[in-house]
PDB file of N, CA and C in Angstrom:
ATOM      1  N   MET A   1       0.815  -1.197   0.000  1.00  0.00           N
ATOM      2  CA  MET A   1       0.000   0.000   0.000  1.00  0.00           C
ATOM      3  C   MET A   1       0.857   1.259   0.000  1.00  0.00           C
ATOM      4  N   ASN A   2       1.989   1.199   0.660  1.00  0.00           N
ATOM      5  CA  ASN A   2       2.870   2.356   0.726  1.00  0.00           C
ATOM      6  C   ASN A   2       3.430   2.690  -0.653  1.00  0.00           C
ATOM      7  N   ARG A   3       3.761   1.667  -1.438  1.00  0.00           N
ATOM      8  CA  ARG A   3       4.280   1.909  -2.792  1.00  0.00           C
ATOM      9  C   ARG A   3       3.226   2.532  -3.694  1.00  0.00           C
ATOM     10  N   GLN A   4       1.974   2.133  -3.510  1.00  0.00           N
ATOM     11  CA  GLN A   4       0.908   2.727  -4.314  1.00  0.00           C
ATOM     12  C   GLN A   4       0.762   4.213  -4.013  1.00  0.00           C
ATOM     13  N   LYS A   5       0.882   4.572  -2.749  1.00  0.00           N
ATOM     14  CA  LYS A   5       0.796   5.989  -2.381  1.00  0.00           C
ATOM     15  C   LYS A   5       1.977   6.759  -2.946  1.00  0.00           C
ATOM     16  N   GLU A   6       3.168   6.155  -2.931  1.00  0.00           N
ATOM     17  CA  GLU A   6       4.338   6.822  -3.497  1.00  0.00           C
ATOM     18  C   GLU A   6       4.165   7.042  -4.991  1.00  0.00           C
ATOM     19  N   LEU A   7       3.691   6.026  -5.697  1.00  0.00           N
ATOM     20  CA  LEU A   7       3.498   6.160  -7.140  1.00  0.00           C
ATOM     21  C   LEU A   7       2.407   7.172  -7.466  1.00  0.00           C
ATOM     22  N   LEU A   8       1.344   7.181  -6.672  1.00  0.00           N
ATOM     23  CA  LEU A   8       0.286   8.156  -6.885  1.00  0.00           C
ATOM     24  C   LEU A   8       0.795   9.573  -6.628  1.00  0.00           C
ATOM     25  N   SER A   9       1.620   9.729  -5.598  1.00  0.00           N
ATOM     26  CA  SER A   9       2.211  11.041  -5.303  1.00  0.00           C
ATOM     27  C   SER A   9       3.127  11.491  -6.434  1.00  0.00           C
ATOM     28  N   ILE A  10       3.941  10.576  -6.943  1.00  0.00           N
ATOM     29  CA  ILE A  10       4.838  10.906  -8.057  1.00  0.00           C
ATOM     30  C   ILE A  10       4.023  11.300  -9.279  1.00  0.00           C
ATOM     31  N   LEU A  11       2.951  10.570  -9.541  1.00  0.00           N
ATOM     32  CA  LEU A  11       2.108  10.877 -10.696  1.00  0.00           C
ATOM     33  C   LEU A  11       1.434  12.243 -10.544  1.00  0.00           C
ATOM     34  N   LEU A  12       0.952  12.555  -9.360  1.00  0.00           N
ATOM     35  CA  LEU A  12       0.308  13.846  -9.121  1.00  0.00           C
ATOM     36  C   LEU A  12       1.297  14.996  -9.268  1.00  0.00           C
ATOM     37  N   VAL A  13       2.474  14.848  -8.682  1.00  0.00           N
ATOM     38  CA  VAL A  13       3.496  15.896  -8.799  1.00  0.00           C
ATOM     39  C   VAL A  13       3.935  16.049 -10.250  1.00  0.00           C
ATOM     40  N   SER A  14       4.038  14.938 -10.965  1.00  0.00           N
ATOM     41  CA  SER A  14       4.423  14.991 -12.375  1.00  0.00           C
ATOM     42  C   SER A  14       3.374  15.714 -13.212  1.00  0.00           C
ATOM     43  N   PHE A  15       2.103  15.447 -12.930  1.00  0.00           N
ATOM     44  CA  PHE A  15       1.039  16.130 -13.673  1.00  0.00           C
ATOM     45  C   PHE A  15       1.049  17.628 -13.385  1.00  0.00           C
ATOM     46  N   LEU A  16       1.243  17.989 -12.126  1.00  0.00           N
ATOM     47  CA  LEU A  16       1.298  19.413 -11.786  1.00  0.00           C
ATOM     48  C   LEU A  16       2.514  20.085 -12.421  1.00  0.00           C
ATOM     49  N   ALA A  17       3.648  19.370 -12.472  1.00  0.00           N
ATOM     50  CA  ALA A  17       4.833  19.932 -13.119  1.00  0.00           C
ATOM     51  C   ALA A  17       4.602  20.109 -14.619  1.00  0.00           C
ATOM     52  N   SER A  18       3.904  19.170 -15.244  1.00  0.00           N
ATOM     53  CA  SER A  18       3.627  19.306 -16.673  1.00  0.00           C
ATOM     54  C   SER A  18       2.655  20.448 -16.942  1.00  0.00           C
ATOM     55  N   ILE A  19       1.699  20.654 -16.043  1.00  0.00           N
ATOM     56  CA  ILE A  19       0.787  21.801 -16.175  1.00  0.00           C
ATOM     57  C   ILE A  19       1.583  23.107 -16.082  1.00  0.00           C
ATOM     58  N   MET A  20       2.502  23.171 -15.116  1.00  0.00           N
ATOM     59  CA  MET A  20       3.298  24.389 -14.971  1.00  0.00           C
ATOM     60  C   MET A  20       4.190  24.606 -16.189  1.00  0.00           C
ATOM     61  N   LEU A  21       4.732  23.539 -16.739  1.00  0.00           N
ATOM     62  CA  LEU A  21       5.544  23.657 -17.938  1.00  0.00           C
ATOM     63  C   LEU A  21       4.688  24.108 -19.120  1.00  0.00           C
ATOM     64  N   GLY A  22       3.475  23.600 -19.208  1.00  0.00           N
ATOM     65  CA  GLY A  22       2.565  24.028 -20.273  1.00  0.00           C
ATOM     66  C   GLY A  22       2.146  25.477 -20.144  1.00  0.00           C
ATOM     67  N   MET A  23       2.076  25.963 -18.919  1.00  0.00           N
ATOM     68  CA  MET A  23       1.688  27.358 -18.706  1.00  0.00           C
ATOM     69  C   MET A  23       2.801  28.322 -19.111  1.00  0.00           C
ATOM     70  N   LEU A  24       4.013  27.841 -19.290  1.00  0.00           N
ATOM     71  CA  LEU A  24       5.121  28.713 -19.693  1.00  0.00           C
ATOM     72  C   LEU A  24       5.072  29.106 -21.165  1.00  0.00           C
ATOM     73  N   ASP A  25       4.218  28.448 -21.936  1.00  0.00           N
ATOM     74  CA  ASP A  25       4.077  28.775 -23.346  1.00  0.00           C
ATOM     75  C   ASP A  25       3.533  30.196 -23.487  1.00  0.00           C
ATOM     76  N   TYR A  26       4.090  30.956 -24.401  1.00  0.00           N
ATOM     77  CA  TYR A  26       3.698  32.365 -24.537  1.00  0.00           C
ATOM     78  C   TYR A  26       2.276  32.531 -25.050  1.00  0.00           C
ATOM     79  N   GLU A  27       1.718  31.520 -25.720  1.00  0.00           N
ATOM     80  CA  GLU A  27       0.363  31.628 -26.240  1.00  0.00           C
ATOM     81  C   GLU A  27      -0.695  31.264 -25.198  1.00  0.00           C
ATOM     82  N   THR A  28      -0.294  30.632 -24.116  1.00  0.00           N
ATOM     83  CA  THR A  28      -1.250  30.195 -23.114  1.00  0.00           C
ATOM     84  C   THR A  28      -1.619  31.359 -22.208  1.00  0.00           C
ATOM     85  N   GLU A  29      -2.911  31.658 -22.171  1.00  0.00           N
ATOM     86  CA  GLU A  29      -3.388  32.785 -21.379  1.00  0.00           C
ATOM     87  C   GLU A  29      -3.900  32.359 -20.013  1.00  0.00           C
ATOM     88  N   SER A  30      -4.420  31.132 -19.903  1.00  0.00           N
ATOM     89  CA  SER A  30      -4.953  30.647 -18.632  1.00  0.00           C
ATOM     90  C   SER A  30      -4.933  29.118 -18.653  1.00  0.00           C
ATOM     91  N   LEU A  31      -5.258  28.548 -17.518  1.00  0.00           N
ATOM     92  CA  LEU A  31      -5.310  27.093 -17.425  1.00  0.00           C
ATOM     93  C   LEU A  31      -6.427  26.534 -18.300  1.00  0.00           C
ATOM     94  N   VAL A  32      -7.540  27.233 -18.351  1.00  0.00           N
ATOM     95  CA  VAL A  32      -8.656  26.806 -19.202  1.00  0.00           C
ATOM     96  C   VAL A  32      -8.232  26.837 -20.665  1.00  0.00           C
ATOM     97  N   HIS A  33      -7.503  27.843 -21.053  1.00  0.00           N
ATOM     98  CA  HIS A  33      -7.007  27.947 -22.422  1.00  0.00           C
ATOM     99  C   HIS A  33      -6.036  26.811 -22.727  1.00  0.00           C
ATOM    100  N   LEU A  34      -5.212  26.449 -21.765  1.00  0.00           N
ATOM    101  CA  LEU A  34      -4.267  25.348 -21.945  1.00  0.00           C
ATOM    102  C   LEU A  34      -4.995  24.039 -22.171  1.00  0.00           C
ATOM    103  N   LEU A  35      -6.066  23.816 -21.434  1.00  0.00           N
ATOM    104  CA  LEU A  35      -6.753  22.528 -21.494  1.00  0.00           C
ATOM    105  C   LEU A  35      -7.779  22.423 -22.610  1.00  0.00           C
ATOM    106  N   THR A  36      -8.237  23.541 -23.166  1.00  0.00           N
ATOM    107  CA  THR A  36      -9.320  23.473 -24.148  1.00  0.00           C
ATOM    108  C   THR A  36      -8.965  23.970 -25.544  1.00  0.00           C
ATOM    109  N   SER A  37      -7.866  24.666 -25.719  1.00  0.00           N
ATOM    110  CA  SER A  37      -7.649  25.336 -26.999  1.00  0.00           C
ATOM    111  C   SER A  37      -7.172  24.402 -28.105  1.00  0.00           C
ATOM    112  N   ASP A  38      -6.324  23.446 -27.790  1.00  0.00           N
ATOM    113  CA  ASP A  38      -5.689  22.653 -28.840  1.00  0.00           C
ATOM    114  C   ASP A  38      -5.498  21.221 -28.358  1.00  0.00           C
ATOM    115  N   PRO A  39      -5.853  20.235 -29.175  1.00  0.00           N
ATOM    116  CA  PRO A  39      -5.624  18.835 -28.761  1.00  0.00           C
ATOM    117  C   PRO A  39      -4.137  18.504 -28.599  1.00  0.00           C
ATOM    118  N   GLY A  40      -3.284  19.250 -29.254  1.00  0.00           N
ATOM    119  CA  GLY A  40      -1.853  19.041 -29.107  1.00  0.00           C
ATOM    120  C   GLY A  40      -1.367  19.339 -27.695  1.00  0.00           C
ATOM    121  N   ASN A  41      -2.073  20.228 -27.005  1.00  0.00           N
ATOM    122  CA  ASN A  41      -1.721  20.514 -25.619  1.00  0.00           C
ATOM    123  C   ASN A  41      -1.917  19.284 -24.743  1.00  0.00           C
ATOM    124  N   TRP A  42      -2.991  18.537 -24.978  1.00  0.00           N
ATOM    125  CA  TRP A  42      -3.229  17.314 -24.197  1.00  0.00           C
ATOM    126  C   TRP A  42      -2.138  16.283 -24.439  1.00  0.00           C
ATOM    127  N   ILE A  43      -1.723  16.154 -25.692  1.00  0.00           N
ATOM    128  CA  ILE A  43      -0.652  15.202 -26.017  1.00  0.00           C
ATOM    129  C   ILE A  43       0.644  15.620 -25.337  1.00  0.00           C
ATOM    130  N   ALA A  44       0.942  16.904 -25.379  1.00  0.00           N
ATOM    131  CA  ALA A  44       2.153  17.405 -24.723  1.00  0.00           C
ATOM    132  C   ALA A  44       2.077  17.192 -23.213  1.00  0.00           C
ATOM    133  N   LEU A  45       0.909  17.443 -22.612  1.00  0.00           N
ATOM    134  CA  LEU A  45       0.764  17.227 -21.174  1.00  0.00           C
ATOM    135  C   LEU A  45       0.960  15.766 -20.805  1.00  0.00           C
ATOM    136  N   LEU A  46       0.435  14.864 -21.630  1.00  0.00           N
ATOM    137  CA  LEU A  46       0.620  13.430 -21.363  1.00  0.00           C
ATOM    138  C   LEU A  46       2.083  13.025 -21.503  1.00  0.00           C
ATOM    139  N   LEU A  47       2.749  13.544 -22.524  1.00  0.00           N
ATOM    140  CA  LEU A  47       4.165  13.220 -22.703  1.00  0.00           C
ATOM    141  C   LEU A  47       5.018  13.779 -21.572  1.00  0.00           C
ATOM    142  N   TYR A  48       4.753  15.023 -21.189  1.00  0.00           N
ATOM    143  CA  TYR A  48       5.507  15.622 -20.082  1.00  0.00           C
ATOM    144  C   TYR A  48       5.244  14.884 -18.774  1.00  0.00           C
ATOM    145  N   THR A  49       3.985  14.517 -18.543  1.00  0.00           N
ATOM    146  CA  THR A  49       3.652  13.780 -17.322  1.00  0.00           C
ATOM    147  C   THR A  49       4.375  12.439 -17.302  1.00  0.00           C
ATOM    148  N   GLY A  50       4.398  11.747 -18.425  1.00  0.00           N
ATOM    149  CA  GLY A  50       5.109  10.473 -18.496  1.00  0.00           C
ATOM    150  C   GLY A  50       6.596  10.629 -18.262  1.00  0.00           C
ATOM    151  N   ALA A  51       7.171  11.663 -18.847  1.00  0.00           N
ATOM    152  CA  ALA A  51       8.609  11.881 -18.669  1.00  0.00           C
ATOM    153  C   ALA A  51       8.942  12.229 -17.221  1.00  0.00           C
ATOM    154  N   PHE A  52       8.144  13.098 -16.617  1.00  0.00           N
ATOM    155  CA  PHE A  52       8.389  13.459 -15.220  1.00  0.00           C
ATOM    156  C   PHE A  52       8.150  12.268 -14.288  1.00  0.00           C
ATOM    157  N   THR A  53       7.160  11.435 -14.609  1.00  0.00           N
ATOM    158  CA  THR A  53       6.894  10.253 -13.793  1.00  0.00           C
ATOM    159  C   THR A  53       8.064   9.281 -13.870  1.00  0.00           C
ATOM    160  N   LEU A  54       8.560   9.037 -15.060  1.00  0.00           N
ATOM    161  CA  LEU A  54       9.717   8.149 -15.202  1.00  0.00           C
ATOM    162  C   LEU A  54      10.937   8.703 -14.479  1.00  0.00           C
ATOM    163  N   LEU A  55      11.126  10.007 -14.552  1.00  0.00           N
ATOM    164  CA  LEU A  55      12.233  10.629 -13.835  1.00  0.00           C
ATOM    165  C   LEU A  55      12.072  10.473 -12.324  1.00  0.00           C
ATOM    166  N   GLY A  56      10.861  10.661 -11.830  1.00  0.00           N
ATOM    167  CA  GLY A  56      10.600  10.506 -10.406  1.00  0.00           C
ATOM    168  C   GLY A  56      10.814   9.082  -9.927  1.00  0.00           C
ATOM    169  N   ILE A  57      10.354   8.097 -10.698  1.00  0.00           N
ATOM    170  CA  ILE A  57      10.549   6.699 -10.329  1.00  0.00           C
ATOM    171  C   ILE A  57      12.026   6.342 -10.363  1.00  0.00           C
ATOM    172  N   MET A  58      12.731   6.855 -11.357  1.00  0.00           N
ATOM    173  CA  MET A  58      14.166   6.595 -11.452  1.00  0.00           C
ATOM    174  C   MET A  58      14.913   7.197 -10.263  1.00  0.00           C
ATOM    175  N   LEU A  59      14.589   8.422  -9.895  1.00  0.00           N
ATOM    176  CA  LEU A  59      15.242   9.060  -8.749  1.00  0.00           C
ATOM    177  C   LEU A  59      14.896   8.346  -7.441  1.00  0.00           C
ATOM    178  N   LEU A  60      13.650   7.900  -7.305  1.00  0.00           N
ATOM    179  CA  LEU A  60      13.258   7.160  -6.110  1.00  0.00           C
ATOM    180  C   LEU A  60      14.046   5.859  -6.000  1.00  0.00           C
ATOM    181  N   GLY A  61      14.188   5.140  -7.103  1.00  0.00           N
ATOM    182  CA  GLY A  61      14.985   3.914  -7.098  1.00  0.00           C
ATOM    183  C   GLY A  61      16.451   4.186  -6.821  1.00  0.00           C
ATOM    184  N   PHE A  62      16.957   5.281  -7.353  1.00  0.00           N
ATOM    185  CA  PHE A  62      18.350   5.654  -7.125  1.00  0.00           C
ATOM    186  C   PHE A  62      18.604   5.935  -5.643  1.00  0.00           C
ATOM    187  N   PHE A  63      17.712   6.718  -5.030  1.00  0.00           N
ATOM    188  CA  PHE A  63      17.887   7.040  -3.617  1.00  0.00           C
ATOM    189  C   PHE A  63      17.699   5.819  -2.726  1.00  0.00           C
ATOM    190  N   ARG A  64      16.789   4.927  -3.105  1.00  0.00           N
ATOM    191  CA  ARG A  64      16.637   3.687  -2.330  1.00  0.00           C
ATOM    192  C   ARG A  64      17.885   2.818  -2.456  1.00  0.00           C
ATOM    193  N   GLY A  65      18.473   2.769  -3.631  1.00  0.00           N
ATOM    194  CA  GLY A  65      19.701   2.001  -3.819  1.00  0.00           C
ATOM    195  C   GLY A  65      20.856   2.569  -3.020  1.00  0.00           C
ATOM    196  N   ILE A  66      20.978   3.875  -3.026  1.00  0.00           N
ATOM    197  CA  ILE A  66      22.032   4.520  -2.237  1.00  0.00           C
ATOM    198  C   ILE A  66      21.820   4.256  -0.751  1.00  0.00           C
ATOM    199  N   ARG A  67      20.579   4.347  -0.306  1.00  0.00           N
ATOM    200  CA  ARG A  67      20.283   4.117   1.105  1.00  0.00           C
ATOM    201  C   ARG A  67      20.596   2.681   1.517  1.00  0.00           C
ATOM    202  N   SER A  68      20.303   1.722   0.633  1.00  0.00           N
ATOM    203  CA  SER A  68      20.615   0.336   0.975  1.00  0.00           C
ATOM    204  C   SER A  68      22.124   0.075   0.974  1.00  0.00           C
ATOM    205  N   LEU A  69      22.869   0.806   0.175  1.00  0.00           N
ATOM    206  CA  LEU A  69      24.326   0.651   0.180  1.00  0.00           C
ATOM    207  C   LEU A  69      24.953   1.251   1.435  1.00  0.00           C
ATOM    208  N   VAL A  70      24.359   2.325   1.925  1.00  0.00           N
ATOM    209  CA  VAL A  70      24.909   3.000   3.100  1.00  0.00           C
ATOM    210  C   VAL A  70      24.673   2.182   4.357  1.00  0.00           C
ATOM    211  N   ARG A  71      23.567   1.477   4.423  1.00  0.00           N
ATOM    212  CA  ARG A  71      23.232   0.696   5.612  1.00  0.00           C
ATOM    213  C   ARG A  71      24.156  -0.434   5.797  1.00  0.00           C
TER     214      ARG A  71
END
């Protein structure tokens, strides 16, 4: 159960990070505009979320490996 919460937390943080990255686009005026104006925005958000999720899982595994080596 603890791993499920960690993965859900990583996924939530990744989605929020992808939203923030999407908001940096100069054409985006608001969050509603980001989510409704172009279907390409949804694809980009999914790709960014996947990339951030993989990065988070990789970093979590890296830190767990380091911690097990130190013990």
